Amino acid sequence: MPENVNALSTTRNRIEHMVEGLEGISDAADAIHTITEETFSITKEIDEIKKTKAEFQKHLQEKAPQEQLENEVVAKELKQQKAVADREPEHSPEQETRG
């Protein structure tokens, strides 16, 4: 009878060790799955940020204020300002402090 108990105990111990080993492997697989899932999520979010940034830049370029040369009053004023700026002599810092 004690031989049967030892044989059963040995078999039970082997099965318990095997189950513990499988649980360890399962935990490691879960950790790898979590890491892979998070990496995929981060990559997806980075792609989404890049897409949003490109759309934002496009929107900024489309909506940026631009000179309206079609408007005759504005065009005339711009020409006058440019002509005045071209006629004015440039002053050096020394002349400005003297004058």
PDB file of N, CA and C in Angstrom:
ATOM      1  N   MET A   1       0.782  -1.186   0.000  1.00  0.00           N
ATOM      2  CA  MET A   1       0.000   0.000   0.000  1.00  0.00           C
ATOM      3  C   MET A   1       0.846   1.282   0.000  1.00  0.00           C
ATOM      4  N   PRO A   2       1.895   1.394   0.807  1.00  0.00           N
ATOM      5  CA  PRO A   2       2.698   2.613   0.770  1.00  0.00           C
ATOM      6  C   PRO A   2       3.307   2.850  -0.608  1.00  0.00           C
ATOM      7  N   GLU A   3       3.548   1.783  -1.390  1.00  0.00           N
ATOM      8  CA  GLU A   3       4.096   1.975  -2.732  1.00  0.00           C
ATOM      9  C   GLU A   3       3.103   2.727  -3.611  1.00  0.00           C
ATOM     10  N   ASN A   4       1.823   2.408  -3.461  1.00  0.00           N
ATOM     11  CA  ASN A   4       0.789   3.091  -4.239  1.00  0.00           C
ATOM     12  C   ASN A   4       0.694   4.567  -3.845  1.00  0.00           C
ATOM     13  N   VAL A   5       0.828   4.866  -2.578  1.00  0.00           N
ATOM     14  CA  VAL A   5       0.763   6.234  -2.094  1.00  0.00           C
ATOM     15  C   VAL A   5       1.945   7.027  -2.631  1.00  0.00           C
ATOM     16  N   ASN A   6       3.129   6.436  -2.616  1.00  0.00           N
ATOM     17  CA  ASN A   6       4.311   7.111  -3.148  1.00  0.00           C
ATOM     18  C   ASN A   6       4.178   7.340  -4.647  1.00  0.00           C
ATOM     19  N   ALA A   7       3.645   6.355  -5.353  1.00  0.00           N
ATOM     20  CA  ALA A   7       3.471   6.502  -6.794  1.00  0.00           C
ATOM     21  C   ALA A   7       2.450   7.597  -7.097  1.00  0.00           C
ATOM     22  N   LEU A   8       1.365   7.641  -6.338  1.00  0.00           N
ATOM     23  CA  LEU A   8       0.359   8.675  -6.533  1.00  0.00           C
ATOM     24  C   LEU A   8       0.913  10.052  -6.155  1.00  0.00           C
ATOM     25  N   SER A   9       1.657  10.117  -5.085  1.00  0.00           N
ATOM     26  CA  SER A   9       2.251  11.388  -4.665  1.00  0.00           C
ATOM     27  C   SER A   9       3.237  11.895  -5.709  1.00  0.00           C
ATOM     28  N   THR A  10       4.039  10.992  -6.249  1.00  0.00           N
ATOM     29  CA  THR A  10       5.012  11.377  -7.281  1.00  0.00           C
ATOM     30  C   THR A  10       4.284  11.884  -8.515  1.00  0.00           C
ATOM     31  N   THR A  11       3.247  11.195  -8.923  1.00  0.00           N
ATOM     32  CA  THR A  11       2.473  11.603 -10.093  1.00  0.00           C
ATOM     33  C   THR A  11       1.786  12.937  -9.828  1.00  0.00           C
ATOM     34  N   ARG A  12       1.216  13.060  -8.637  1.00  0.00           N
ATOM     35  CA  ARG A  12       0.558  14.317  -8.273  1.00  0.00           C
ATOM     36  C   ARG A  12       1.564  15.478  -8.264  1.00  0.00           C
ATOM     37  N   ASN A  13       2.749  15.250  -7.717  1.00  0.00           N
ATOM     38  CA  ASN A  13       3.789  16.291  -7.690  1.00  0.00           C
ATOM     39  C   ASN A  13       4.213  16.696  -9.102  1.00  0.00           C
ATOM     40  N   ARG A  14       4.349  15.716  -9.975  1.00  0.00           N
ATOM     41  CA  ARG A  14       4.730  16.013 -11.363  1.00  0.00           C
ATOM     42  C   ARG A  14       3.652  16.858 -12.045  1.00  0.00           C
ATOM     43  N   ILE A  15       2.393  16.485 -11.824  1.00  0.00           N
ATOM     44  CA  ILE A  15       1.288  17.228 -12.425  1.00  0.00           C
ATOM     45  C   ILE A  15       1.240  18.651 -11.870  1.00  0.00           C
ATOM     46  N   GLU A  16       1.461  18.787 -10.550  1.00  0.00           N
ATOM     47  CA  GLU A  16       1.461  20.125  -9.947  1.00  0.00           C
ATOM     48  C   GLU A  16       2.590  20.985 -10.506  1.00  0.00           C
ATOM     49  N   HIS A  17       3.770  20.401 -10.679  1.00  0.00           N
ATOM     50  CA  HIS A  17       4.891  21.152 -11.259  1.00  0.00           C
ATOM     51  C   HIS A  17       4.593  21.556 -12.703  1.00  0.00           C
ATOM     52  N   MET A  18       3.957  20.625 -13.423  1.00  0.00           N
ATOM     53  CA  MET A  18       3.609  20.919 -14.809  1.00  0.00           C
ATOM     54  C   MET A  18       2.578  22.048 -14.862  1.00  0.00           C
ATOM     55  N   VAL A  19       1.592  22.022 -13.980  1.00  0.00           N
ATOM     56  CA  VAL A  19       0.564  23.065 -13.931  1.00  0.00           C
ATOM     57  C   VAL A  19       1.210  24.407 -13.564  1.00  0.00           C
ATOM     58  N   GLU A  20       2.108  24.407 -12.589  1.00  0.00           N
ATOM     59  CA  GLU A  20       2.808  25.642 -12.204  1.00  0.00           C
ATOM     60  C   GLU A  20       3.622  26.192 -13.375  1.00  0.00           C
ATOM     61  N   GLY A  21       4.286  25.309 -14.090  1.00  0.00           N
ATOM     62  CA  GLY A  21       5.050  25.724 -15.263  1.00  0.00           C
ATOM     63  C   GLY A  21       4.153  26.321 -16.338  1.00  0.00           C
ATOM     64  N   LEU A  22       3.008  25.683 -16.568  1.00  0.00           N
ATOM     65  CA  LEU A  22       2.061  26.194 -17.562  1.00  0.00           C
ATOM     66  C   LEU A  22       1.473  27.534 -17.136  1.00  0.00           C
ATOM     67  N   GLU A  23       1.234  27.711 -15.840  1.00  0.00           N
ATOM     68  CA  GLU A  23       0.736  28.998 -15.358  1.00  0.00           C
ATOM     69  C   GLU A  23       1.780  30.095 -15.575  1.00  0.00           C
ATOM     70  N   GLY A  24       3.048  29.757 -15.345  1.00  0.00           N
ATOM     71  CA  GLY A  24       4.121  30.721 -15.596  1.00  0.00           C
ATOM     72  C   GLY A  24       4.201  31.095 -17.068  1.00  0.00           C
ATOM     73  N   ILE A  25       4.070  30.101 -17.922  1.00  0.00           N
ATOM     74  CA  ILE A  25       4.082  30.363 -19.370  1.00  0.00           C
ATOM     75  C   ILE A  25       2.881  31.208 -19.758  1.00  0.00           C
ATOM     76  N   SER A  26       1.734  30.916 -19.171  1.00  0.00           N
ATOM     77  CA  SER A  26       0.526  31.697 -19.457  1.00  0.00           C
ATOM     78  C   SER A  26       0.702  33.153 -19.021  1.00  0.00           C
ATOM     79  N   ASP A  27       1.295  33.359 -17.838  1.00  0.00           N
ATOM     80  CA  ASP A  27       1.542  34.725 -17.366  1.00  0.00           C
ATOM     81  C   ASP A  27       2.493  35.464 -18.302  1.00  0.00           C
ATOM     82  N   ALA A  28       3.535  34.787 -18.757  1.00  0.00           N
ATOM     83  CA  ALA A  28       4.482  35.408 -19.684  1.00  0.00           C
ATOM     84  C   ALA A  28       3.797  35.737 -21.005  1.00  0.00           C
ATOM     85  N   ALA A  29       2.944  34.848 -21.488  1.00  0.00           N
ATOM     86  CA  ALA A  29       2.216  35.101 -22.738  1.00  0.00           C
ATOM     87  C   ALA A  29       1.279  36.295 -22.576  1.00  0.00           C
ATOM     88  N   ASP A  30       0.631  36.397 -21.422  1.00  0.00           N
ATOM     89  CA  ASP A  30      -0.246  37.543 -21.159  1.00  0.00           C
ATOM     90  C   ASP A  30       0.548  38.848 -21.154  1.00  0.00           C
ATOM     91  N   ALA A  31       1.739  38.823 -20.549  1.00  0.00           N
ATOM     92  CA  ALA A  31       2.578  40.024 -20.507  1.00  0.00           C
ATOM     93  C   ALA A  31       3.012  40.431 -21.911  1.00  0.00           C
ATOM     94  N   ILE A  32       3.407  39.462 -22.716  1.00  0.00           N
ATOM     95  CA  ILE A  32       3.812  39.750 -24.103  1.00  0.00           C
ATOM     96  C   ILE A  32       2.629  40.295 -24.885  1.00  0.00           C
ATOM     97  N   HIS A  33       1.465  39.723 -24.673  1.00  0.00           N
ATOM     98  CA  HIS A  33       0.255  40.198 -25.362  1.00  0.00           C
ATOM     99  C   HIS A  33      -0.042  41.652 -24.982  1.00  0.00           C
ATOM    100  N   THR A  34       0.061  41.958 -23.690  1.00  0.00           N
ATOM    101  CA  THR A  34      -0.204  43.322 -23.222  1.00  0.00           C
ATOM    102  C   THR A  34       0.793  44.302 -23.836  1.00  0.00           C
ATOM    103  N   ILE A  35       2.069  43.941 -23.840  1.00  0.00           N
ATOM    104  CA  ILE A  35       3.097  44.821 -24.410  1.00  0.00           C
ATOM    105  C   ILE A  35       2.851  45.034 -25.894  1.00  0.00           C
ATOM    106  N   THR A  36       2.540  43.971 -26.607  1.00  0.00           N
ATOM    107  CA  THR A  36       2.280  44.081 -28.048  1.00  0.00           C
ATOM    108  C   THR A  36       1.057  44.943 -28.310  1.00  0.00           C
ATOM    109  N   GLU A  37       0.023  44.763 -27.512  1.00  0.00           N
ATOM    110  CA  GLU A  37      -1.203  45.535 -27.676  1.00  0.00           C
ATOM    111  C   GLU A  37      -0.947  47.026 -27.427  1.00  0.00           C
ATOM    112  N   GLU A  38      -0.182  47.342 -26.377  1.00  0.00           N
ATOM    113  CA  GLU A  38       0.138  48.735 -26.072  1.00  0.00           C
ATOM    114  C   GLU A  38       0.998  49.357 -27.169  1.00  0.00           C
ATOM    115  N   THR A  39       1.961  48.610 -27.683  1.00  0.00           N
ATOM    116  CA  THR A  39       2.811  49.105 -28.767  1.00  0.00           C
ATOM    117  C   THR A  39       1.971  49.410 -29.995  1.00  0.00           C
ATOM    118  N   PHE A  40       1.064  48.525 -30.327  1.00  0.00           N
ATOM    119  CA  PHE A  40       0.180  48.740 -31.470  1.00  0.00           C
ATOM    120  C   PHE A  40      -0.682  49.980 -31.252  1.00  0.00           C
ATOM    121  N   SER A  41      -1.194  50.130 -30.044  1.00  0.00           N
ATOM    122  CA  SER A  41      -2.038  51.288 -29.718  1.00  0.00           C
ATOM    123  C   SER A  41      -1.251  52.593 -29.846  1.00  0.00           C
ATOM    124  N   ILE A  42      -0.031  52.598 -29.349  1.00  0.00           N
ATOM    125  CA  ILE A  42       0.807  53.803 -29.439  1.00  0.00           C
ATOM    126  C   ILE A  42       1.101  54.138 -30.890  1.00  0.00           C
ATOM    127  N   THR A  43       1.432  53.128 -31.683  1.00  0.00           N
ATOM    128  CA  THR A  43       1.707  53.347 -33.103  1.00  0.00           C
ATOM    129  C   THR A  43       0.487  53.922 -33.808  1.00  0.00           C
ATOM    130  N   LYS A  44      -0.681  53.400 -33.487  1.00  0.00           N
ATOM    131  CA  LYS A  44      -1.917  53.890 -34.090  1.00  0.00           C
ATOM    132  C   LYS A  44      -2.181  55.346 -33.688  1.00  0.00           C
ATOM    133  N   GLU A  45      -1.921  55.678 -32.426  1.00  0.00           N
ATOM    134  CA  GLU A  45      -2.128  57.053 -31.961  1.00  0.00           C
ATOM    135  C   GLU A  45      -1.136  58.014 -32.611  1.00  0.00           C
ATOM    136  N   ILE A  46       0.093  57.580 -32.804  1.00  0.00           N
ATOM    137  CA  ILE A  46       1.087  58.428 -33.477  1.00  0.00           C
ATOM    138  C   ILE A  46       0.650  58.703 -34.909  1.00  0.00           C
ATOM    139  N   ASP A  47       0.173  57.688 -35.602  1.00  0.00           N
ATOM    140  CA  ASP A  47      -0.321  57.886 -36.968  1.00  0.00           C
ATOM    141  C   ASP A  47      -1.490  58.865 -36.989  1.00  0.00           C
ATOM    142  N   GLU A  48      -2.370  58.761 -36.017  1.00  0.00           N
ATOM    143  CA  GLU A  48      -3.519  59.663 -35.933  1.00  0.00           C
ATOM    144  C   GLU A  48      -3.058  61.102 -35.668  1.00  0.00           C
ATOM    145  N   ILE A  49      -2.055  61.266 -34.812  1.00  0.00           N
ATOM    146  CA  ILE A  49      -1.523  62.605 -34.536  1.00  0.00           C
ATOM    147  C   ILE A  49      -0.893  63.195 -35.797  1.00  0.00           C
ATOM    148  N   LYS A  50      -0.136  62.396 -36.539  1.00  0.00           N
ATOM    149  CA  LYS A  50       0.474  62.879 -37.780  1.00  0.00           C
ATOM    150  C   LYS A  50      -0.597  63.302 -38.783  1.00  0.00           C
ATOM    151  N   LYS A  51      -1.656  62.509 -38.885  1.00  0.00           N
ATOM    152  CA  LYS A  51      -2.750  62.830 -39.810  1.00  0.00           C
ATOM    153  C   LYS A  51      -3.431  64.137 -39.396  1.00  0.00           C
ATOM    154  N   THR A  52      -3.691  64.275 -38.100  1.00  0.00           N
ATOM    155  CA  THR A  52      -4.330  65.491 -37.592  1.00  0.00           C
ATOM    156  C   THR A  52      -3.440  66.701 -37.805  1.00  0.00           C
ATOM    157  N   LYS A  53      -2.142  66.543 -37.607  1.00  0.00           N
ATOM    158  CA  LYS A  53      -1.196  67.649 -37.814  1.00  0.00           C
ATOM    159  C   LYS A  53      -1.203  68.082 -39.285  1.00  0.00           C
ATOM    160  N   ALA A  54      -1.197  67.121 -40.201  1.00  0.00           N
ATOM    161  CA  ALA A  54      -1.219  67.444 -41.627  1.00  0.00           C
ATOM    162  C   ALA A  54      -2.510  68.184 -41.985  1.00  0.00           C
ATOM    163  N   GLU A  55      -3.633  67.733 -41.450  1.00  0.00           N
ATOM    164  CA  GLU A  55      -4.904  68.412 -41.710  1.00  0.00           C
ATOM    165  C   GLU A  55      -4.900  69.821 -41.134  1.00  0.00           C
ATOM    166  N   PHE A  56      -4.308  69.989 -39.958  1.00  0.00           N
ATOM    167  CA  PHE A  56      -4.225  71.298 -39.321  1.00  0.00           C
ATOM    168  C   PHE A  56      -3.362  72.249 -40.143  1.00  0.00           C
ATOM    169  N   GLN A  57      -2.213  71.762 -40.615  1.00  0.00           N
ATOM    170  CA  GLN A  57      -1.333  72.593 -41.446  1.00  0.00           C
ATOM    171  C   GLN A  57      -2.044  72.996 -42.740  1.00  0.00           C
ATOM    172  N   LYS A  58      -2.751  72.066 -43.342  1.00  0.00           N
ATOM    173  CA  LYS A  58      -3.493  72.357 -44.566  1.00  0.00           C
ATOM    174  C   LYS A  58      -4.555  73.421 -44.294  1.00  0.00           C
ATOM    175  N   HIS A  59      -5.251  73.268 -43.185  1.00  0.00           N
ATOM    176  CA  HIS A  59      -6.294  74.230 -42.814  1.00  0.00           C
ATOM    177  C   HIS A  59      -5.691  75.616 -42.574  1.00  0.00           C
ATOM    178  N   LEU A  60      -4.547  75.670 -41.918  1.00  0.00           N
ATOM    179  CA  LEU A  60      -3.888  76.959 -41.682  1.00  0.00           C
ATOM    180  C   LEU A  60      -3.507  77.642 -42.990  1.00  0.00           C
ATOM    181  N   GLN A  61      -2.993  76.874 -43.920  1.00  0.00           N
ATOM    182  CA  GLN A  61      -2.605  77.451 -45.207  1.00  0.00           C
ATOM    183  C   GLN A  61      -3.819  77.952 -45.978  1.00  0.00           C
ATOM    184  N   GLU A  62      -4.908  77.214 -45.905  1.00  0.00           N
ATOM    185  CA  GLU A  62      -6.109  77.630 -46.624  1.00  0.00           C
ATOM    186  C   GLU A  62      -6.737  78.875 -46.005  1.00  0.00           C
ATOM    187  N   LYS A  63      -6.685  78.983 -44.696  1.00  0.00           N
ATOM    188  CA  LYS A  63      -7.364  80.073 -44.004  1.00  0.00           C
ATOM    189  C   LYS A  63      -6.456  81.253 -43.647  1.00  0.00           C
ATOM    190  N   ALA A  64      -5.203  81.200 -44.044  1.00  0.00           N
ATOM    191  CA  ALA A  64      -4.291  82.294 -43.722  1.00  0.00           C
ATOM    192  C   ALA A  64      -4.737  83.568 -44.445  1.00  0.00           C
ATOM    193  N   PRO A  65      -4.663  84.696 -43.755  1.00  0.00           N
ATOM    194  CA  PRO A  65      -5.064  85.942 -44.425  1.00  0.00           C
ATOM    195  C   PRO A  65      -4.088  86.279 -45.552  1.00  0.00           C
ATOM    196  N   GLN A  66      -4.647  86.701 -46.657  1.00  0.00           N
ATOM    197  CA  GLN A  66      -3.824  87.040 -47.810  1.00  0.00           C
ATOM    198  C   GLN A  66      -4.214  88.430 -48.293  1.00  0.00           C
ATOM    199  N   GLU A  67      -3.257  89.083 -48.946  1.00  0.00           N
ATOM    200  CA  GLU A  67      -3.531  90.423 -49.455  1.00  0.00           C
ATOM    201  C   GLU A  67      -4.619  90.345 -50.526  1.00  0.00           C
ATOM    202  N   GLN A  68      -5.491  91.305 -50.483  1.00  0.00           N
ATOM    203  CA  GLN A  68      -6.565  91.342 -51.459  1.00  0.00           C
ATOM    204  C   GLN A  68      -6.252  92.432 -52.476  1.00  0.00           C
ATOM    205  N   LEU A  69      -5.534  92.064 -53.483  1.00  0.00           N
ATOM    206  CA  LEU A  69      -5.149  93.035 -54.498  1.00  0.00           C
ATOM    207  C   LEU A  69      -6.319  93.367 -55.424  1.00  0.00           C
ATOM    208  N   GLU A  70      -7.369  92.570 -55.404  1.00  0.00           N
ATOM    209  CA  GLU A  70      -8.527  92.844 -56.248  1.00  0.00           C
ATOM    210  C   GLU A  70      -9.235  94.127 -55.792  1.00  0.00           C
ATOM    211  N   ASN A  71      -9.148  94.399 -54.521  1.00  0.00           N
ATOM    212  CA  ASN A  71      -9.780  95.586 -53.968  1.00  0.00           C
ATOM    213  C   ASN A  71      -8.936  96.797 -54.380  1.00  0.00           C
ATOM    214  N   GLU A  72      -9.490  97.672 -55.178  1.00  0.00           N
ATOM    215  CA  GLU A  72      -8.739  98.798 -55.727  1.00  0.00           C
ATOM    216  C   GLU A  72      -8.256  99.759 -54.639  1.00  0.00           C
ATOM    217  N   VAL A  73      -9.066  99.996 -53.633  1.00  0.00           N
ATOM    218  CA  VAL A  73      -8.681 100.908 -52.554  1.00  0.00           C
ATOM    219  C   VAL A  73      -7.484 100.344 -51.794  1.00  0.00           C
ATOM    220  N   VAL A  74      -7.532  99.072 -51.499  1.00  0.00           N
ATOM    221  CA  VAL A  74      -6.429  98.435 -50.772  1.00  0.00           C
ATOM    222  C   VAL A  74      -5.180  98.412 -51.650  1.00  0.00           C
ATOM    223  N   ALA A  75      -5.335  98.069 -52.917  1.00  0.00           N
ATOM    224  CA  ALA A  75      -4.197  98.016 -53.820  1.00  0.00           C
ATOM    225  C   ALA A  75      -3.545  99.391 -53.952  1.00  0.00           C
ATOM    226  N   LYS A  76      -4.353 100.431 -54.056  1.00  0.00           N
ATOM    227  CA  LYS A  76      -3.834 101.787 -54.175  1.00  0.00           C
ATOM    228  C   LYS A  76      -3.069 102.176 -52.908  1.00  0.00           C
ATOM    229  N   GLU A  77      -3.627 101.871 -51.750  1.00  0.00           N
ATOM    230  CA  GLU A  77      -2.979 102.177 -50.468  1.00  0.00           C
ATOM    231  C   GLU A  77      -1.655 101.437 -50.334  1.00  0.00           C
ATOM    232  N   LEU A  78      -1.616 100.170 -50.761  1.00  0.00           N
ATOM    233  CA  LEU A  78      -0.366  99.400 -50.703  1.00  0.00           C
ATOM    234  C   LEU A  78       0.698 100.008 -51.604  1.00  0.00           C
ATOM    235  N   LYS A  79       0.289 100.455 -52.789  1.00  0.00           N
ATOM    236  CA  LYS A  79       1.240 101.096 -53.705  1.00  0.00           C
ATOM    237  C   LYS A  79       1.788 102.383 -53.114  1.00  0.00           C
ATOM    238  N   GLN A  80       0.923 103.163 -52.491  1.00  0.00           N
ATOM    239  CA  GLN A  80       1.361 104.423 -51.881  1.00  0.00           C
ATOM    240  C   GLN A  80       2.324 104.157 -50.728  1.00  0.00           C
ATOM    241  N   GLN A  81       2.019 103.191 -49.900  1.00  0.00           N
ATOM    242  CA  GLN A  81       2.904 102.868 -48.779  1.00  0.00           C
ATOM    243  C   GLN A  81       4.262 102.405 -49.275  1.00  0.00           C
ATOM    244  N   LYS A  82       4.265 101.623 -50.324  1.00  0.00           N
ATOM    245  CA  LYS A  82       5.526 101.139 -50.870  1.00  0.00           C
ATOM    246  C   LYS A  82       6.316 102.286 -51.474  1.00  0.00           C
ATOM    247  N   ALA A  83       5.648 103.192 -52.180  1.00  0.00           N
ATOM    248  CA  ALA A  83       6.331 104.332 -52.784  1.00  0.00           C
ATOM    249  C   ALA A  83       6.937 105.226 -51.705  1.00  0.00           C
ATOM    250  N   VAL A  84       6.200 105.472 -50.637  1.00  0.00           N
ATOM    251  CA  VAL A  84       6.711 106.302 -49.535  1.00  0.00           C
ATOM    252  C   VAL A  84       7.910 105.627 -48.891  1.00  0.00           C
ATOM    253  N   ALA A  85       7.825 104.327 -48.685  1.00  0.00           N
ATOM    254  CA  ALA A  85       8.928 103.595 -48.063  1.00  0.00           C
ATOM    255  C   ALA A  85      10.160 103.615 -48.953  1.00  0.00           C
ATOM    256  N   ASP A  86       9.967 103.564 -50.266  1.00  0.00           N
ATOM    257  CA  ASP A  86      11.104 103.598 -51.181  1.00  0.00           C
ATOM    258  C   ASP A  86      11.757 104.978 -51.204  1.00  0.00           C
ATOM    259  N   ARG A  87      10.984 106.040 -51.028  1.00  0.00           N
ATOM    260  CA  ARG A  87      11.517 107.409 -51.069  1.00  0.00           C
ATOM    261  C   ARG A  87      12.224 107.823 -49.787  1.00  0.00           C
ATOM    262  N   GLU A  88      11.818 107.247 -48.673  1.00  0.00           N
ATOM    263  CA  GLU A  88      12.415 107.644 -47.405  1.00  0.00           C
ATOM    264  C   GLU A  88      13.844 107.136 -47.317  1.00  0.00           C
ATOM    265  N   PRO A  89      14.778 108.042 -46.964  1.00  0.00           N
ATOM    266  CA  PRO A  89      16.167 107.593 -46.816  1.00  0.00           C
ATOM    267  C   PRO A  89      16.313 106.784 -45.530  1.00  0.00           C
ATOM    268  N   GLU A  90      17.217 105.859 -45.575  1.00  0.00           N
ATOM    269  CA  GLU A  90      17.466 105.059 -44.385  1.00  0.00           C
ATOM    270  C   GLU A  90      18.375 105.851 -43.453  1.00  0.00           C
ATOM    271  N   HIS A  91      18.026 105.882 -42.191  1.00  0.00           N
ATOM    272  CA  HIS A  91      18.809 106.597 -41.200  1.00  0.00           C
ATOM    273  C   HIS A  91      19.667 105.605 -40.429  1.00  0.00           C
ATOM    274  N   SER A  92      20.899 106.001 -40.213  1.00  0.00           N
ATOM    275  CA  SER A  92      21.755 105.168 -39.390  1.00  0.00           C
ATOM    276  C   SER A  92      21.443 105.460 -37.926  1.00  0.00           C
ATOM    277  N   PRO A  93      21.795 104.600 -37.034  1.00  0.00           N
ATOM    278  CA  PRO A  93      21.531 104.847 -35.611  1.00  0.00           C
ATOM    279  C   PRO A  93      22.228 106.112 -35.100  1.00  0.00           C
ATOM    280  N   GLU A  94      23.369 106.472 -35.687  1.00  0.00           N
ATOM    281  CA  GLU A  94      24.085 107.681 -35.262  1.00  0.00           C
ATOM    282  C   GLU A  94      23.284 108.933 -35.610  1.00  0.00           C
ATOM    283  N   GLN A  95      22.692 108.942 -36.803  1.00  0.00           N
ATOM    284  CA  GLN A  95      21.913 110.101 -37.221  1.00  0.00           C
ATOM    285  C   GLN A  95      20.653 110.268 -36.364  1.00  0.00           C
ATOM    286  N   GLU A  96      20.077 109.158 -35.971  1.00  0.00           N
ATOM    287  CA  GLU A  96      18.864 109.229 -35.157  1.00  0.00           C
ATOM    288  C   GLU A  96      19.167 109.763 -33.769  1.00  0.00           C
ATOM    289  N   THR A  97      20.333 109.442 -33.221  1.00  0.00           N
ATOM    290  CA  THR A  97      20.678 109.948 -31.891  1.00  0.00           C
ATOM    291  C   THR A  97      21.074 111.424 -31.953  1.00  0.00           C
ATOM    292  N   ARG A  98      21.624 111.884 -33.065  1.00  0.00           N
ATOM    293  CA  ARG A  98      21.996 113.294 -33.221  1.00  0.00           C
ATOM    294  C   ARG A  98      20.768 114.173 -33.432  1.00  0.00           C
ATOM    295  N   GLY A  99      19.838 113.671 -34.215  1.00  0.00           N
ATOM    296  CA  GLY A  99      18.696 114.469 -34.622  1.00  0.00           C
ATOM    297  C   GLY A  99      17.642 114.467 -33.639  1.00  0.00           C
TER     298      GLY A  99
END
